[in-house]
Amino acid sequence: GRVRDIRRNGAASLDLCAVAAGWLDAYFEHGLHRWDWAAGALIAAEAGAVVSVPGSVPELGADATYAAAPSIADPLRKLLADCGAGEV
């Protein structure tokens, strides 16, 4: 398979910071409020992660937050879209 593990630490901002630090390869979630993702998304983007916030990637859904290491960002985004992540 392509996925080794799925982890949820609780706070979206902490998970996004984990992507920034290289502790996680990627993060994806629907239905967050701006205050849930804003700080973490900024930190991840400044650290070099590829970050998409709600409304920026229609194929993942209008309310999707996504961050990934640059080396896997495009293939993972395509895989999520192909699996119907935008239809959730």
Protein backbone atom coordinates (compact mmCIF):
# COMPACT_ATOMS: atom_id res chain seq x y z
CA GLY A 1 0.00 0.00 0.00
CA ARG A 2 0.81 3.65 -0.20
CA VAL A 3 -0.17 4.63 3.34
CA ARG A 4 1.80 3.39 6.30
CA ASP A 5 -0.06 5.16 9.07
CA ILE A 6 -2.75 7.74 9.77
CA ARG A 7 -2.36 9.85 12.89
CA ARG A 8 -4.50 12.52 14.50
CA ASN A 9 -2.99 14.46 17.36
CA GLY A 10 -6.06 16.57 17.95
CA ALA A 11 -5.35 20.16 16.96
CA ALA A 12 -5.12 20.90 13.24
CA SER A 13 -2.54 23.62 13.87
CA LEU A 14 -0.23 21.15 15.61
CA ASP A 15 -0.59 18.62 12.80
CA LEU A 16 0.26 21.33 10.25
CA CYS A 17 3.31 22.27 12.34
CA ALA A 18 4.30 18.59 12.32
CA VAL A 19 4.30 18.73 8.51
CA ALA A 20 6.43 21.89 8.75
CA ALA A 21 8.91 20.10 11.01
CA GLY A 22 9.06 17.01 8.80
CA TRP A 23 7.51 14.76 11.45
CA LEU A 24 4.50 14.09 9.19
CA ASP A 25 4.55 13.76 5.41
CA ALA A 26 1.11 15.28 4.90
CA TYR A 27 -2.09 16.55 6.47
CA PHE A 28 -5.63 16.61 5.03
CA GLU A 29 -8.96 17.47 6.63
CA HIS A 30 -12.40 18.83 5.79
CA GLY A 31 -14.56 21.24 7.75
CA LEU A 32 -12.10 23.30 9.76
CA HIS A 33 -12.60 26.91 10.77
CA ARG A 34 -9.99 29.52 9.88
CA TRP A 35 -8.76 29.71 13.45
CA ASP A 36 -8.10 25.95 13.37
CA TRP A 37 -5.68 26.06 10.44
CA ALA A 38 -4.43 29.65 9.91
CA ALA A 39 -1.33 29.68 12.14
CA GLY A 40 -0.31 26.12 11.31
CA ALA A 41 -0.78 26.67 7.57
CA LEU A 42 1.41 29.77 7.69
CA ILE A 43 4.14 27.93 9.59
CA ALA A 44 3.99 24.97 7.20
CA ALA A 45 4.14 27.23 4.14
CA GLU A 46 7.07 29.21 5.55
CA ALA A 47 8.87 25.91 6.22
CA GLY A 48 8.50 24.94 2.55
CA ALA A 49 5.48 22.64 2.64
CA VAL A 50 2.89 22.81 -0.12
CA VAL A 51 -0.24 24.18 1.56
CA SER A 52 -3.80 24.51 0.28
CA VAL A 53 -6.44 26.23 2.38
CA PRO A 54 -10.23 25.96 2.03
CA GLY A 55 -11.42 27.17 -1.35
CA SER A 56 -8.05 26.96 -3.09
CA VAL A 57 -8.16 23.39 -4.47
CA PRO A 58 -11.67 22.55 -5.72
CA GLU A 59 -10.85 18.91 -6.50
CA LEU A 60 -10.23 18.30 -2.78
CA GLY A 61 -13.46 20.00 -1.71
CA ALA A 62 -14.46 23.56 -0.91
CA ASP A 63 -13.64 23.18 2.78
CA ALA A 64 -10.41 21.13 2.55
CA THR A 65 -7.15 21.99 4.28
CA TYR A 66 -4.09 20.23 2.85
CA ALA A 67 -0.36 20.37 3.50
CA ALA A 68 2.38 18.06 2.30
CA ALA A 69 6.09 17.75 1.79
CA PRO A 70 6.96 19.07 -1.68
CA SER A 71 8.17 15.67 -2.88
CA ILE A 72 4.74 14.05 -2.40
CA ALA A 73 2.35 17.00 -2.64
CA ASP A 74 1.21 16.62 -6.25
CA PRO A 75 0.94 12.80 -6.33
CA LEU A 76 -0.93 12.76 -3.00
CA ARG A 77 -3.28 15.55 -4.05
CA LYS A 78 -4.10 13.61 -7.24
CA LEU A 79 -4.61 10.38 -5.28
CA LEU A 80 -6.97 12.11 -2.84
CA ALA A 81 -8.94 13.66 -5.71
CA ASP A 82 -9.12 10.33 -7.56
CA CYS A 83 -10.43 8.66 -4.40
CA GLY A 84 -13.25 11.19 -4.13
CA ALA A 85 -11.92 13.34 -1.30
CA GLY A 86 -13.63 16.38 -2.80
CA GLU A 87 -17.02 14.70 -2.62
CA VAL A 88 -17.01 14.21 1.15
